[in-house]
Amino acid sequence: MTPTLTAPALSATDRCDRCSAQAFVRVVLPGGTDLLFCSHHWNRHEAVLRPQAVEILDETHRLTEKG
């Protein structure tokens, strides 16, 4: 079996690296470093981080889903 390097889904315990609100976006950079962002901080930093990212897990759609 070949292991995958895909980051797991985000949970309520994952916190934004900037403000410690619940994280809805994980950005994986070259070298494996990952950053977590709330929706607000992702919107603020997306333009700079998107071109550098190896992987982006964006779950901001969960903010508007009706459960």
N, C-alpha and C. Protein backbone atom coordinates (compact mmCIF):
# COMPACT_ATOMS: atom_id res chain seq x y z
N MET A 1 0.83 -1.17 0.00
CA MET A 1 0.00 0.00 0.00
C MET A 1 0.89 1.25 0.00
N THR A 2 0.54 2.21 -0.83
CA THR A 2 1.29 3.46 -0.91
C THR A 2 0.61 4.52 -0.07
N PRO A 3 1.31 5.11 0.89
CA PRO A 3 0.68 6.15 1.71
C PRO A 3 0.47 7.43 0.90
N THR A 4 -0.57 8.17 1.25
CA THR A 4 -0.82 9.44 0.58
C THR A 4 -0.36 10.57 1.48
N LEU A 5 -0.05 11.69 0.90
CA LEU A 5 0.38 12.85 1.65
C LEU A 5 -0.72 13.90 1.73
N THR A 6 -1.94 13.53 1.39
CA THR A 6 -3.04 14.47 1.43
C THR A 6 -3.39 14.81 2.87
N ALA A 7 -3.56 16.09 3.13
CA ALA A 7 -3.89 16.54 4.48
C ALA A 7 -5.31 16.12 4.83
N PRO A 8 -5.56 15.77 6.08
CA PRO A 8 -6.91 15.37 6.48
C PRO A 8 -7.86 16.57 6.49
N ALA A 9 -9.15 16.27 6.51
CA ALA A 9 -10.16 17.33 6.57
C ALA A 9 -9.97 18.13 7.85
N LEU A 10 -10.43 19.35 7.83
CA LEU A 10 -10.31 20.21 9.00
C LEU A 10 -11.44 19.93 9.99
N SER A 11 -11.13 20.08 11.26
CA SER A 11 -12.14 19.86 12.31
C SER A 11 -12.28 21.13 13.15
N ALA A 12 -13.21 21.10 14.07
CA ALA A 12 -13.46 22.26 14.93
C ALA A 12 -12.27 22.58 15.83
N THR A 13 -11.37 21.64 16.01
CA THR A 13 -10.19 21.89 16.86
C THR A 13 -9.04 22.55 16.10
N ASP A 14 -9.13 22.60 14.77
CA ASP A 14 -8.09 23.27 13.97
C ASP A 14 -8.31 24.78 14.07
N ARG A 15 -7.25 25.51 14.36
CA ARG A 15 -7.34 26.94 14.61
C ARG A 15 -6.46 27.75 13.67
N CYS A 16 -6.95 28.91 13.31
CA CYS A 16 -6.23 29.84 12.44
C CYS A 16 -4.89 30.21 13.08
N ASP A 17 -3.84 30.20 12.29
CA ASP A 17 -2.51 30.56 12.78
C ASP A 17 -2.39 32.05 13.08
N ARG A 18 -3.29 32.85 12.58
CA ARG A 18 -3.22 34.30 12.80
C ARG A 18 -4.04 34.77 14.00
N CYS A 19 -5.23 34.17 14.22
CA CYS A 19 -6.11 34.72 15.25
C CYS A 19 -6.74 33.66 16.15
N SER A 20 -6.50 32.42 15.90
CA SER A 20 -7.01 31.27 16.64
C SER A 20 -8.52 31.06 16.53
N ALA A 21 -9.17 31.66 15.53
CA ALA A 21 -10.56 31.30 15.21
C ALA A 21 -10.54 29.93 14.53
N GLN A 22 -11.70 29.33 14.34
CA GLN A 22 -11.75 28.03 13.68
C GLN A 22 -11.19 28.16 12.26
N ALA A 23 -10.31 27.23 11.90
CA ALA A 23 -9.70 27.23 10.57
C ALA A 23 -10.60 26.53 9.56
N PHE A 24 -10.71 27.13 8.39
CA PHE A 24 -11.48 26.53 7.30
C PHE A 24 -10.62 26.35 6.05
N VAL A 25 -9.35 26.75 6.11
CA VAL A 25 -8.44 26.60 4.97
C VAL A 25 -7.09 26.10 5.48
N ARG A 26 -6.57 25.06 4.82
CA ARG A 26 -5.21 24.58 5.08
C ARG A 26 -4.41 24.78 3.80
N VAL A 27 -3.25 25.42 3.94
CA VAL A 27 -2.34 25.64 2.81
C VAL A 27 -1.07 24.86 3.10
N VAL A 28 -0.69 23.98 2.18
CA VAL A 28 0.56 23.22 2.33
C VAL A 28 1.57 23.86 1.39
N LEU A 29 2.70 24.25 1.94
CA LEU A 29 3.77 24.90 1.18
C LEU A 29 4.84 23.88 0.80
N PRO A 30 5.70 24.22 -0.17
CA PRO A 30 6.80 23.32 -0.50
C PRO A 30 7.61 22.99 0.77
N GLY A 31 7.99 21.76 0.91
CA GLY A 31 8.71 21.34 2.10
C GLY A 31 7.79 20.75 3.16
N GLY A 32 6.46 20.87 2.95
CA GLY A 32 5.51 20.24 3.85
C GLY A 32 4.95 21.11 4.95
N THR A 33 5.41 22.33 5.09
CA THR A 33 4.85 23.21 6.11
C THR A 33 3.40 23.52 5.77
N ASP A 34 2.53 23.45 6.78
CA ASP A 34 1.14 23.81 6.51
C ASP A 34 0.73 24.98 7.38
N LEU A 35 -0.16 25.79 6.82
CA LEU A 35 -0.69 26.96 7.49
C LEU A 35 -2.20 26.81 7.54
N LEU A 36 -2.79 27.23 8.64
CA LEU A 36 -4.24 27.16 8.81
C LEU A 36 -4.79 28.58 8.91
N PHE A 37 -5.93 28.82 8.24
CA PHE A 37 -6.52 30.14 8.23
C PHE A 37 -8.02 30.08 8.43
N CYS A 38 -8.56 31.06 9.15
CA CYS A 38 -9.99 31.29 9.16
C CYS A 38 -10.35 31.91 7.81
N SER A 39 -11.61 32.04 7.53
CA SER A 39 -12.03 32.61 6.25
C SER A 39 -11.52 34.04 6.07
N HIS A 40 -11.61 34.83 7.12
CA HIS A 40 -11.17 36.23 7.05
C HIS A 40 -9.69 36.34 6.68
N HIS A 41 -8.84 35.61 7.36
CA HIS A 41 -7.40 35.71 7.08
C HIS A 41 -7.02 35.04 5.76
N TRP A 42 -7.76 34.01 5.35
CA TRP A 42 -7.51 33.43 4.04
C TRP A 42 -7.81 34.46 2.96
N ASN A 43 -8.92 35.16 3.07
CA ASN A 43 -9.25 36.19 2.09
C ASN A 43 -8.17 37.26 2.02
N ARG A 44 -7.60 37.58 3.16
CA ARG A 44 -6.56 38.61 3.22
C ARG A 44 -5.24 38.15 2.58
N HIS A 45 -4.88 36.86 2.70
CA HIS A 45 -3.56 36.37 2.27
C HIS A 45 -3.59 35.45 1.05
N GLU A 46 -4.76 35.16 0.53
CA GLU A 46 -4.88 34.20 -0.57
C GLU A 46 -4.05 34.57 -1.79
N ALA A 47 -4.08 35.81 -2.21
CA ALA A 47 -3.37 36.22 -3.44
C ALA A 47 -1.87 35.95 -3.37
N VAL A 48 -1.29 36.06 -2.20
CA VAL A 48 0.15 35.81 -2.05
C VAL A 48 0.44 34.32 -1.91
N LEU A 49 -0.41 33.61 -1.18
CA LEU A 49 -0.13 32.20 -0.88
C LEU A 49 -0.51 31.23 -1.99
N ARG A 50 -1.57 31.53 -2.73
CA ARG A 50 -2.04 30.59 -3.76
C ARG A 50 -0.94 30.20 -4.75
N PRO A 51 -0.15 31.14 -5.30
CA PRO A 51 0.90 30.73 -6.26
C PRO A 51 2.02 29.89 -5.65
N GLN A 52 2.20 29.98 -4.34
CA GLN A 52 3.28 29.25 -3.67
C GLN A 52 2.83 27.88 -3.16
N ALA A 53 1.54 27.66 -3.06
CA ALA A 53 1.01 26.46 -2.40
C ALA A 53 1.19 25.20 -3.23
N VAL A 54 1.47 24.11 -2.54
CA VAL A 54 1.52 22.79 -3.14
C VAL A 54 0.11 22.20 -3.12
N GLU A 55 -0.63 22.50 -2.04
CA GLU A 55 -1.99 22.00 -1.87
C GLU A 55 -2.78 23.01 -1.06
N ILE A 56 -4.05 23.17 -1.41
CA ILE A 56 -4.96 24.03 -0.66
C ILE A 56 -6.24 23.25 -0.39
N LEU A 57 -6.59 23.15 0.88
CA LEU A 57 -7.85 22.55 1.28
C LEU A 57 -8.74 23.70 1.75
N ASP A 58 -9.73 24.05 0.95
CA ASP A 58 -10.60 25.18 1.23
C ASP A 58 -11.99 24.65 1.59
N GLU A 59 -12.35 24.77 2.86
CA GLU A 59 -13.65 24.31 3.34
C GLU A 59 -14.53 25.49 3.76
N THR A 60 -14.29 26.66 3.18
CA THR A 60 -15.08 27.84 3.55
C THR A 60 -16.54 27.69 3.17
N HIS A 61 -16.84 26.77 2.24
CA HIS A 61 -18.25 26.53 1.88
C HIS A 61 -19.06 26.04 3.08
N ARG A 62 -18.40 25.46 4.08
CA ARG A 62 -19.08 24.98 5.27
C ARG A 62 -19.71 26.13 6.07
N LEU A 63 -19.23 27.35 5.87
CA LEU A 63 -19.75 28.50 6.60
C LEU A 63 -21.17 28.85 6.15
N THR A 64 -21.53 28.49 4.94
CA THR A 64 -22.85 28.86 4.41
C THR A 64 -23.78 27.67 4.20
N GLU A 65 -23.30 26.46 4.50
CA GLU A 65 -24.14 25.26 4.35
C GLU A 65 -25.24 25.24 5.39
N LYS A 66 -26.40 24.80 5.00
CA LYS A 66 -27.48 24.62 5.95
C LYS A 66 -27.50 23.17 6.39
N GLY A 67 -27.48 22.95 7.67
CA GLY A 67 -27.35 21.61 8.20
C GLY A 67 -28.63 21.02 8.56
